[in-house]
Amino acid sequence: MKAVFLSDVHLKHRTDERYVRLLRFLNHVLAGNLKSPIHHNSPEENRRIDALYILGDFFDFWFCNKNCIYPDFQMVIQKLVELKKTGVHIHWCEGNHDFFMKEYFQEELGMDVSEEWAIICLDSLKVLISHGDTVDRSNWRYLALRKVLRSQPFYRFQRLIPPSLRWTMAGASSNASKRMNDNNNDFLAEKMHRFAKIKLQDEYDAVIMGHCHKPLLHQFIAKGRQKTSATLGDWRTCFSFLYYENEQFFLIKD
């Protein structure tokens, strides 16, 4: 099995560098041109992936519905639809910037959406995935804001207002979330890897998260099995993603 994990692209305008680079990356994936770190000297090796896992903050905001999608998001969504049609399984974990995603991506497009944590199987590995924005329980202001923004009353409210105003509000909530999560990336990454290590002592073989914008891959042996903890980085400065094949993980910069 081959899979790619990415997060924190924060797409907003289709002219942004990260948007252009992501589309180029997805075109490589679609064409089966994504190089394998395992079989890099074997040009005939099948390079098509089986699954794409998007672990939150793919969009800088998502206050949309199936009948009214923010115009600049249309192009990348169509690219994901093309990927799905080739047989690539697409799984989303909602982030602190993009939520209320099930109505469109799951119910309309047939992709899987998890609101927070999800357990997946990669060959024989049991893997826990999430955006990871709730790991830091000391950030009570953000957790309170998160609860309000994801509440059913707020969901119904944002559906009633005109699209242009909805997207203005989405930008404001995105900025508020950024301010409340503006922690030191090193501090947050360390907290997330401590959290992962606890989970890895139990039943999981890997814990993969986004959110901290710092690409890190930690591996160790516990109970006779290799354990993996990964934070994915971002597509603002790192342009990083995690590649999985044959029970091996590789952190790669595009």
C-alpha atoms as a PDB file:
ATOM      1  CA  MET A   1       0.000   0.000   0.000  1.00  0.00           C
ATOM      2  CA  LYS A   2       1.127   3.544  -0.776  1.00  0.00           C
ATOM      3  CA  ALA A   3      -0.291   6.665   0.890  1.00  0.00           C
ATOM      4  CA  VAL A   4       0.422  10.378   1.236  1.00  0.00           C
ATOM      5  CA  PHE A   5      -0.362  12.536   4.274  1.00  0.00           C
ATOM      6  CA  LEU A   6      -0.361  16.331   4.191  1.00  0.00           C
ATOM      7  CA  SER A   7      -1.819  19.211   6.176  1.00  0.00           C
ATOM      8  CA  ASP A   8      -1.767  22.964   6.740  1.00  0.00           C
ATOM      9  CA  VAL A   9      -1.827  24.090   3.123  1.00  0.00           C
ATOM     10  CA  HIS A  10      -4.084  27.036   4.077  1.00  0.00           C
ATOM     11  CA  LEU A  11      -5.389  27.556   0.555  1.00  0.00           C
ATOM     12  CA  LYS A  12      -6.982  30.913  -0.053  1.00  0.00           C
ATOM     13  CA  HIS A  13      -6.190  32.498  -3.430  1.00  0.00           C
ATOM     14  CA  ARG A  14      -5.389  30.413  -6.493  1.00  0.00           C
ATOM     15  CA  THR A  15      -2.537  32.767  -7.389  1.00  0.00           C
ATOM     16  CA  ASP A  16      -0.708  32.059  -4.108  1.00  0.00           C
ATOM     17  CA  GLU A  17       2.541  30.110  -4.416  1.00  0.00           C
ATOM     18  CA  ARG A  18       1.321  27.322  -2.126  1.00  0.00           C
ATOM     19  CA  TYR A  19      -1.804  26.901  -4.242  1.00  0.00           C
ATOM     20  CA  VAL A  20       0.205  26.658  -7.472  1.00  0.00           C
ATOM     21  CA  ARG A  21       2.708  24.229  -5.941  1.00  0.00           C
ATOM     22  CA  LEU A  22      -0.052  22.054  -4.494  1.00  0.00           C
ATOM     23  CA  LEU A  23      -1.799  21.781  -7.864  1.00  0.00           C
ATOM     24  CA  ARG A  24       1.516  20.768  -9.441  1.00  0.00           C
ATOM     25  CA  PHE A  25       2.001  18.169  -6.706  1.00  0.00           C
ATOM     26  CA  LEU A  26      -1.508  16.767  -7.182  1.00  0.00           C
ATOM     27  CA  ASN A  27      -0.917  16.587 -10.928  1.00  0.00           C
ATOM     28  CA  HIS A  28       2.174  14.460 -10.242  1.00  0.00           C
ATOM     29  CA  VAL A  29       0.098  12.209  -7.991  1.00  0.00           C
ATOM     30  CA  LEU A  30      -2.658  12.002 -10.619  1.00  0.00           C
ATOM     31  CA  ALA A  31      -0.163  11.066 -13.332  1.00  0.00           C
ATOM     32  CA  GLY A  32       1.487   8.446 -11.131  1.00  0.00           C
ATOM     33  CA  ASN A  33       4.766  10.366 -11.189  1.00  0.00           C
ATOM     34  CA  LEU A  34       5.299  10.612  -7.438  1.00  0.00           C
ATOM     35  CA  LYS A  35       8.726   9.092  -6.846  1.00  0.00           C
ATOM     36  CA  SER A  36       8.971   6.290  -4.306  1.00  0.00           C
ATOM     37  CA  PRO A  37      11.775   6.655  -1.727  1.00  0.00           C
ATOM     38  CA  ILE A  38      11.969   2.844  -1.698  1.00  0.00           C
ATOM     39  CA  HIS A  39      12.036   2.154  -5.435  1.00  0.00           C
ATOM     40  CA  HIS A  40      13.687   5.346  -6.644  1.00  0.00           C
ATOM     41  CA  ASN A  41      15.957   3.413  -9.014  1.00  0.00           C
ATOM     42  CA  SER A  42      13.116   1.393 -10.541  1.00  0.00           C
ATOM     43  CA  PRO A  43      11.381   3.507 -13.204  1.00  0.00           C
ATOM     44  CA  GLU A  44       8.884   0.742 -13.972  1.00  0.00           C
ATOM     45  CA  GLU A  45       7.647   0.572 -10.373  1.00  0.00           C
ATOM     46  CA  ASN A  46       3.970   1.500 -10.044  1.00  0.00           C
ATOM     47  CA  ARG A  47       4.052   4.944  -8.487  1.00  0.00           C
ATOM     48  CA  ARG A  48       0.327   5.419  -8.071  1.00  0.00           C
ATOM     49  CA  ILE A  49      -0.803   5.908  -4.493  1.00  0.00           C
ATOM     50  CA  ASP A  50      -3.757   4.167  -2.886  1.00  0.00           C
ATOM     51  CA  ALA A  51      -4.809   6.862  -0.416  1.00  0.00           C
ATOM     52  CA  LEU A  52      -4.476  10.571   0.304  1.00  0.00           C
ATOM     53  CA  TYR A  53      -4.980  11.726   3.902  1.00  0.00           C
ATOM     54  CA  ILE A  54      -5.543  15.465   4.411  1.00  0.00           C
ATOM     55  CA  LEU A  55      -5.110  16.241   8.104  1.00  0.00           C
ATOM     56  CA  GLY A  56      -6.697  19.642   8.489  1.00  0.00           C
ATOM     57  CA  ASP A  57      -6.292  23.268   7.458  1.00  0.00           C
ATOM     58  CA  PHE A  58      -6.193  22.361   3.791  1.00  0.00           C
ATOM     59  CA  PHE A  59      -8.270  25.506   3.298  1.00  0.00           C
ATOM     60  CA  ASP A  60      -7.632  28.703   5.218  1.00  0.00           C
ATOM     61  CA  PHE A  61     -11.388  28.737   5.856  1.00  0.00           C
ATOM     62  CA  TRP A  62     -14.398  26.647   4.882  1.00  0.00           C
ATOM     63  CA  PHE A  63     -17.727  28.372   5.379  1.00  0.00           C
ATOM     64  CA  CYS A  64     -19.286  26.917   2.264  1.00  0.00           C
ATOM     65  CA  ASN A  65     -22.075  24.577   1.337  1.00  0.00           C
ATOM     66  CA  LYS A  66     -22.724  22.270  -1.586  1.00  0.00           C
ATOM     67  CA  ASN A  67     -24.569  24.954  -3.518  1.00  0.00           C
ATOM     68  CA  CYS A  68     -22.090  27.754  -2.982  1.00  0.00           C
ATOM     69  CA  ILE A  69     -18.355  27.010  -2.962  1.00  0.00           C
ATOM     70  CA  TYR A  70     -15.765  29.748  -2.582  1.00  0.00           C
ATOM     71  CA  PRO A  71     -14.666  30.357  -6.218  1.00  0.00           C
ATOM     72  CA  ASP A  72     -10.919  29.982  -5.694  1.00  0.00           C
ATOM     73  CA  PHE A  73     -11.426  26.524  -4.155  1.00  0.00           C
ATOM     74  CA  GLN A  74     -13.158  25.080  -7.210  1.00  0.00           C
ATOM     75  CA  MET A  75      -9.981  24.213  -9.106  1.00  0.00           C
ATOM     76  CA  VAL A  76      -8.308  22.190  -6.353  1.00  0.00           C
ATOM     77  CA  ILE A  77     -11.543  20.424  -5.432  1.00  0.00           C
ATOM     78  CA  GLN A  78     -11.919  19.322  -9.054  1.00  0.00           C
ATOM     79  CA  LYS A  79      -8.372  17.949  -8.939  1.00  0.00           C
ATOM     80  CA  LEU A  80      -9.254  15.888  -5.852  1.00  0.00           C
ATOM     81  CA  VAL A  81     -12.377  14.597  -7.597  1.00  0.00           C
ATOM     82  CA  GLU A  82     -10.184  13.505 -10.519  1.00  0.00           C
ATOM     83  CA  LEU A  83      -7.901  11.678  -8.081  1.00  0.00           C
ATOM     84  CA  LYS A  84     -10.846   9.894  -6.497  1.00  0.00           C
ATOM     85  CA  LYS A  85     -12.082   8.789  -9.903  1.00  0.00           C
ATOM     86  CA  THR A  86      -8.743   7.040 -10.501  1.00  0.00           C
ATOM     87  CA  GLY A  87      -9.329   4.969  -7.347  1.00  0.00           C
ATOM     88  CA  VAL A  88      -7.407   7.034  -4.778  1.00  0.00           C
ATOM     89  CA  HIS A  89      -9.141   6.922  -1.385  1.00  0.00           C
ATOM     90  CA  ILE A  90      -9.363  10.446   0.082  1.00  0.00           C
ATOM     91  CA  HIS A  91      -9.805  10.957   3.818  1.00  0.00           C
ATOM     92  CA  TRP A  92     -10.108  14.361   5.507  1.00  0.00           C
ATOM     93  CA  CYS A  93      -9.574  15.270   9.156  1.00  0.00           C
ATOM     94  CA  GLU A  94     -11.060  18.653   9.908  1.00  0.00           C
ATOM     95  CA  GLY A  95      -8.715  21.351  11.197  1.00  0.00           C
ATOM     96  CA  ASN A  96      -9.100  24.555  13.146  1.00  0.00           C
ATOM     97  CA  HIS A  97      -9.616  26.494   9.892  1.00  0.00           C
ATOM     98  CA  ASP A  98     -11.781  24.073   7.911  1.00  0.00           C
ATOM     99  CA  PHE A  99     -14.764  22.306   9.446  1.00  0.00           C
ATOM    100  CA  PHE A 100     -18.438  21.599   8.620  1.00  0.00           C
ATOM    101  CA  MET A 101     -16.967  19.607   5.729  1.00  0.00           C
ATOM    102  CA  LYS A 102     -19.061  16.432   5.828  1.00  0.00           C
ATOM    103  CA  GLU A 103     -22.065  17.874   4.007  1.00  0.00           C
ATOM    104  CA  TYR A 104     -20.046  18.469   0.845  1.00  0.00           C
ATOM    105  CA  PHE A 105     -16.962  16.256   0.831  1.00  0.00           C
ATOM    106  CA  GLN A 106     -18.568  13.154   2.335  1.00  0.00           C
ATOM    107  CA  GLU A 107     -22.229  13.353   1.383  1.00  0.00           C
ATOM    108  CA  GLU A 108     -21.759  14.894  -2.084  1.00  0.00           C
ATOM    109  CA  LEU A 109     -18.294  13.773  -3.194  1.00  0.00           C
ATOM    110  CA  GLY A 110     -18.077  10.426  -1.379  1.00  0.00           C
ATOM    111  CA  MET A 111     -14.838  11.144   0.481  1.00  0.00           C
ATOM    112  CA  ASP A 112     -14.357  10.245   4.151  1.00  0.00           C
ATOM    113  CA  VAL A 113     -14.414  13.066   6.701  1.00  0.00           C
ATOM    114  CA  SER A 114     -13.457  12.816  10.395  1.00  0.00           C
ATOM    115  CA  GLU A 115     -14.291  15.715  12.670  1.00  0.00           C
ATOM    116  CA  GLU A 116     -11.301  15.105  14.931  1.00  0.00           C
ATOM    117  CA  TRP A 117      -9.588  11.715  15.448  1.00  0.00           C
ATOM    118  CA  ALA A 118      -9.663   8.719  13.121  1.00  0.00           C
ATOM    119  CA  ILE A 119      -8.170   5.242  13.328  1.00  0.00           C
ATOM    120  CA  ILE A 120      -6.961   3.815  10.033  1.00  0.00           C
ATOM    121  CA  CYS A 121      -5.148   0.661   8.946  1.00  0.00           C
ATOM    122  CA  LEU A 122      -2.085   0.775   6.717  1.00  0.00           C
ATOM    123  CA  ASP A 123      -1.305  -2.827   5.817  1.00  0.00           C
ATOM    124  CA  SER A 124      -0.804  -4.388   9.293  1.00  0.00           C
ATOM    125  CA  LEU A 125      -0.281  -1.039  11.074  1.00  0.00           C
ATOM    126  CA  LYS A 126      -2.890   0.591  13.297  1.00  0.00           C
ATOM    127  CA  VAL A 127      -2.588   4.365  12.912  1.00  0.00           C
ATOM    128  CA  LEU A 128      -4.164   7.284  14.780  1.00  0.00           C
ATOM    129  CA  ILE A 129      -4.581  10.464  12.712  1.00  0.00           C
ATOM    130  CA  SER A 130      -5.874  13.967  13.426  1.00  0.00           C
ATOM    131  CA  HIS A 131      -5.167  17.625  12.799  1.00  0.00           C
ATOM    132  CA  GLY A 132      -4.118  17.693  16.445  1.00  0.00           C
ATOM    133  CA  ASP A 133      -5.421  21.113  17.465  1.00  0.00           C
ATOM    134  CA  THR A 134      -6.995  19.771  20.677  1.00  0.00           C
ATOM    135  CA  VAL A 135      -3.808  18.163  22.010  1.00  0.00           C
ATOM    136  CA  ASP A 136      -2.815  21.332  23.872  1.00  0.00           C
ATOM    137  CA  ARG A 137      -5.462  21.351  26.608  1.00  0.00           C
ATOM    138  CA  SER A 138      -3.879  24.412  28.270  1.00  0.00           C
ATOM    139  CA  ASN A 139      -5.046  26.710  25.437  1.00  0.00           C
ATOM    140  CA  TRP A 140      -8.489  27.139  26.938  1.00  0.00           C
ATOM    141  CA  ARG A 141      -9.338  30.298  24.948  1.00  0.00           C
ATOM    142  CA  TYR A 142      -8.914  28.458  21.672  1.00  0.00           C
ATOM    143  CA  LEU A 143     -10.814  25.394  22.920  1.00  0.00           C
ATOM    144  CA  ALA A 144     -13.719  27.655  23.924  1.00  0.00           C
ATOM    145  CA  LEU A 145     -13.705  29.387  20.520  1.00  0.00           C
ATOM    146  CA  ARG A 146     -13.542  25.994  18.793  1.00  0.00           C
ATOM    147  CA  LYS A 147     -16.591  24.793  20.696  1.00  0.00           C
ATOM    148  CA  VAL A 148     -18.605  27.868  19.666  1.00  0.00           C
ATOM    149  CA  LEU A 149     -17.587  27.774  15.989  1.00  0.00           C
ATOM    150  CA  ARG A 150     -18.437  24.074  15.660  1.00  0.00           C
ATOM    151  CA  SER A 151     -21.767  24.300  17.471  1.00  0.00           C
ATOM    152  CA  GLN A 152     -25.045  23.593  15.683  1.00  0.00           C
ATOM    153  CA  PRO A 153     -26.439  27.111  16.397  1.00  0.00           C
ATOM    154  CA  PHE A 154     -23.387  28.655  14.705  1.00  0.00           C
ATOM    155  CA  TYR A 155     -23.660  26.180  11.822  1.00  0.00           C
ATOM    156  CA  ARG A 156     -27.286  27.151  11.215  1.00  0.00           C
ATOM    157  CA  PHE A 157     -26.466  30.861  11.590  1.00  0.00           C
ATOM    158  CA  GLN A 158     -23.678  30.897   8.996  1.00  0.00           C
ATOM    159  CA  ARG A 159     -25.924  29.083   6.519  1.00  0.00           C
ATOM    160  CA  LEU A 160     -28.442  31.937   6.641  1.00  0.00           C
ATOM    161  CA  ILE A 161     -26.130  34.802   5.706  1.00  0.00           C
ATOM    162  CA  PRO A 162     -25.124  35.784   2.130  1.00  0.00           C
ATOM    163  CA  PRO A 163     -21.987  34.096   0.715  1.00  0.00           C
ATOM    164  CA  SER A 164     -19.860  37.258   0.522  1.00  0.00           C
ATOM    165  CA  LEU A 165     -20.542  38.050   4.169  1.00  0.00           C
ATOM    166  CA  ARG A 166     -20.055  34.400   5.116  1.00  0.00           C
ATOM    167  CA  TRP A 167     -16.578  34.372   3.563  1.00  0.00           C
ATOM    168  CA  THR A 168     -15.705  37.665   5.272  1.00  0.00           C
ATOM    169  CA  MET A 169     -16.722  36.103   8.588  1.00  0.00           C
ATOM    170  CA  ALA A 170     -14.728  32.996   7.715  1.00  0.00           C
ATOM    171  CA  GLY A 171     -11.617  35.099   7.195  1.00  0.00           C
ATOM    172  CA  ALA A 172     -12.179  36.790  10.557  1.00  0.00           C
ATOM    173  CA  SER A 173     -12.606  33.477  12.366  1.00  0.00           C
ATOM    174  CA  SER A 174      -9.490  32.167  10.601  1.00  0.00           C
ATOM    175  CA  ASN A 175      -7.466  35.131  11.860  1.00  0.00           C
ATOM    176  CA  ALA A 176      -8.829  34.655  15.379  1.00  0.00           C
ATOM    177  CA  SER A 177      -7.843  31.000  15.319  1.00  0.00           C
ATOM    178  CA  LYS A 178      -4.340  31.911  14.124  1.00  0.00           C
ATOM    179  CA  ARG A 179      -3.890  34.387  16.972  1.00  0.00           C
ATOM    180  CA  MET A 180      -5.051  31.886  19.586  1.00  0.00           C
ATOM    181  CA  ASN A 181      -2.775  29.172  18.195  1.00  0.00           C
ATOM    182  CA  ASP A 182       0.259  31.375  17.731  1.00  0.00           C
ATOM    183  CA  ASN A 183       2.393  29.256  20.016  1.00  0.00           C
ATOM    184  CA  ASN A 184       6.051  28.517  19.536  1.00  0.00           C
ATOM    185  CA  ASN A 185       6.164  25.729  16.962  1.00  0.00           C
ATOM    186  CA  ASP A 186       8.951  23.916  18.792  1.00  0.00           C
ATOM    187  CA  PHE A 187       6.970  23.962  22.043  1.00  0.00           C
ATOM    188  CA  LEU A 188       3.791  22.753  20.347  1.00  0.00           C
ATOM    189  CA  ALA A 189       5.589  20.054  18.362  1.00  0.00           C
ATOM    190  CA  GLU A 190       7.215  18.715  21.515  1.00  0.00           C
ATOM    191  CA  LYS A 191       3.846  18.611  23.285  1.00  0.00           C
ATOM    192  CA  MET A 192       2.304  16.760  20.359  1.00  0.00           C
ATOM    193  CA  HIS A 193       5.086  14.190  20.220  1.00  0.00           C
ATOM    194  CA  ARG A 194       4.797  13.578  23.985  1.00  0.00           C
ATOM    195  CA  PHE A 195       1.085  12.973  23.452  1.00  0.00           C
ATOM    196  CA  ALA A 196       1.863  10.615  20.552  1.00  0.00           C
ATOM    197  CA  LYS A 197       4.403   8.672  22.580  1.00  0.00           C
ATOM    198  CA  ILE A 198       1.764   7.873  25.206  1.00  0.00           C
ATOM    199  CA  LYS A 199      -0.614   6.608  22.512  1.00  0.00           C
ATOM    200  CA  LEU A 200       2.172   4.582  20.915  1.00  0.00           C
ATOM    201  CA  GLN A 201       2.868   2.717  24.146  1.00  0.00           C
ATOM    202  CA  ASP A 202      -0.564   1.147  23.788  1.00  0.00           C
ATOM    203  CA  GLU A 203      -2.194  -0.256  20.670  1.00  0.00           C
ATOM    204  CA  TYR A 204      -1.089   2.152  17.942  1.00  0.00           C
ATOM    205  CA  ASP A 205       1.844   1.729  15.599  1.00  0.00           C
ATOM    206  CA  ALA A 206       1.834   5.333  14.380  1.00  0.00           C
ATOM    207  CA  VAL A 207       0.357   8.711  15.336  1.00  0.00           C
ATOM    208  CA  ILE A 208       0.249  11.357  12.601  1.00  0.00           C
ATOM    209  CA  MET A 209      -0.834  14.974  13.117  1.00  0.00           C
ATOM    210  CA  GLY A 210      -0.609  18.416  11.547  1.00  0.00           C
ATOM    211  CA  HIS A 211      -1.256  21.804  13.155  1.00  0.00           C
ATOM    212  CA  CYS A 212       2.174  22.735  14.511  1.00  0.00           C
ATOM    213  CA  HIS A 213       3.631  23.518  11.042  1.00  0.00           C
ATOM    214  CA  LYS A 214       6.858  21.737  11.969  1.00  0.00           C
ATOM    215  CA  PRO A 215       7.832  18.632   9.949  1.00  0.00           C
ATOM    216  CA  LEU A 216       9.183  15.981  12.314  1.00  0.00           C
ATOM    217  CA  LEU A 217       9.441  12.209  12.171  1.00  0.00           C
ATOM    218  CA  HIS A 218      10.304  10.245  15.336  1.00  0.00           C
ATOM    219  CA  GLN A 219      10.669   6.472  15.349  1.00  0.00           C
ATOM    220  CA  PHE A 220      11.505   4.068  18.170  1.00  0.00           C
ATOM    221  CA  ILE A 221      11.004   0.464  19.237  1.00  0.00           C
ATOM    222  CA  ALA A 222       8.389  -0.443  21.855  1.00  0.00           C
ATOM    223  CA  LYS A 223       7.153  -3.926  22.698  1.00  0.00           C
ATOM    224  CA  GLY A 224       9.199  -5.302  19.837  1.00  0.00           C
ATOM    225  CA  ARG A 225       7.536  -3.129  17.180  1.00  0.00           C
ATOM    226  CA  GLN A 226       8.654   0.021  15.441  1.00  0.00           C
ATOM    227  CA  LYS A 227       6.562   3.032  16.452  1.00  0.00           C
ATOM    228  CA  THR A 228       6.214   6.243  14.452  1.00  0.00           C
ATOM    229  CA  SER A 229       5.254   9.750  15.545  1.00  0.00           C
ATOM    230  CA  ALA A 230       4.959  12.390  12.825  1.00  0.00           C
ATOM    231  CA  THR A 231       3.939  16.017  12.493  1.00  0.00           C
ATOM    232  CA  LEU A 232       3.484  16.978   8.875  1.00  0.00           C
ATOM    233  CA  GLY A 233       4.765  20.541   8.591  1.00  0.00           C
ATOM    234  CA  ASP A 234       2.977  22.851   6.170  1.00  0.00           C
ATOM    235  CA  TRP A 235       2.743  24.165   2.615  1.00  0.00           C
ATOM    236  CA  ARG A 236       3.627  27.738   3.511  1.00  0.00           C
ATOM    237  CA  THR A 237       7.329  27.390   4.213  1.00  0.00           C
ATOM    238  CA  CYS A 238       8.164  23.657   4.305  1.00  0.00           C
ATOM    239  CA  PHE A 239       6.067  22.206   1.456  1.00  0.00           C
ATOM    240  CA  SER A 240       6.342  18.890   3.247  1.00  0.00           C
ATOM    241  CA  PHE A 241       4.341  15.670   3.245  1.00  0.00           C
ATOM    242  CA  LEU A 242       4.564  12.170   4.695  1.00  0.00           C
ATOM    243  CA  TYR A 243       4.898   9.234   2.308  1.00  0.00           C
ATOM    244  CA  TYR A 244       3.977   5.694   3.364  1.00  0.00           C
ATOM    245  CA  GLU A 245       4.848   2.446   1.617  1.00  0.00           C
ATOM    246  CA  ASN A 246       5.231  -1.144   2.844  1.00  0.00           C
ATOM    247  CA  GLU A 247       5.089  -0.228   6.564  1.00  0.00           C
ATOM    248  CA  GLN A 248       7.702   2.513   6.155  1.00  0.00           C
ATOM    249  CA  PHE A 249       7.244   6.269   6.587  1.00  0.00           C
ATOM    250  CA  PHE A 250       9.267   8.999   4.862  1.00  0.00           C
ATOM    251  CA  LEU A 251       9.051  12.743   5.526  1.00  0.00           C
ATOM    252  CA  ILE A 252       9.594  14.546   2.225  1.00  0.00           C
ATOM    253  CA  LYS A 253       9.819  18.194   1.144  1.00  0.00           C
ATOM    254  CA  ASP A 254       8.325  18.883  -2.265  1.00  0.00           C
END
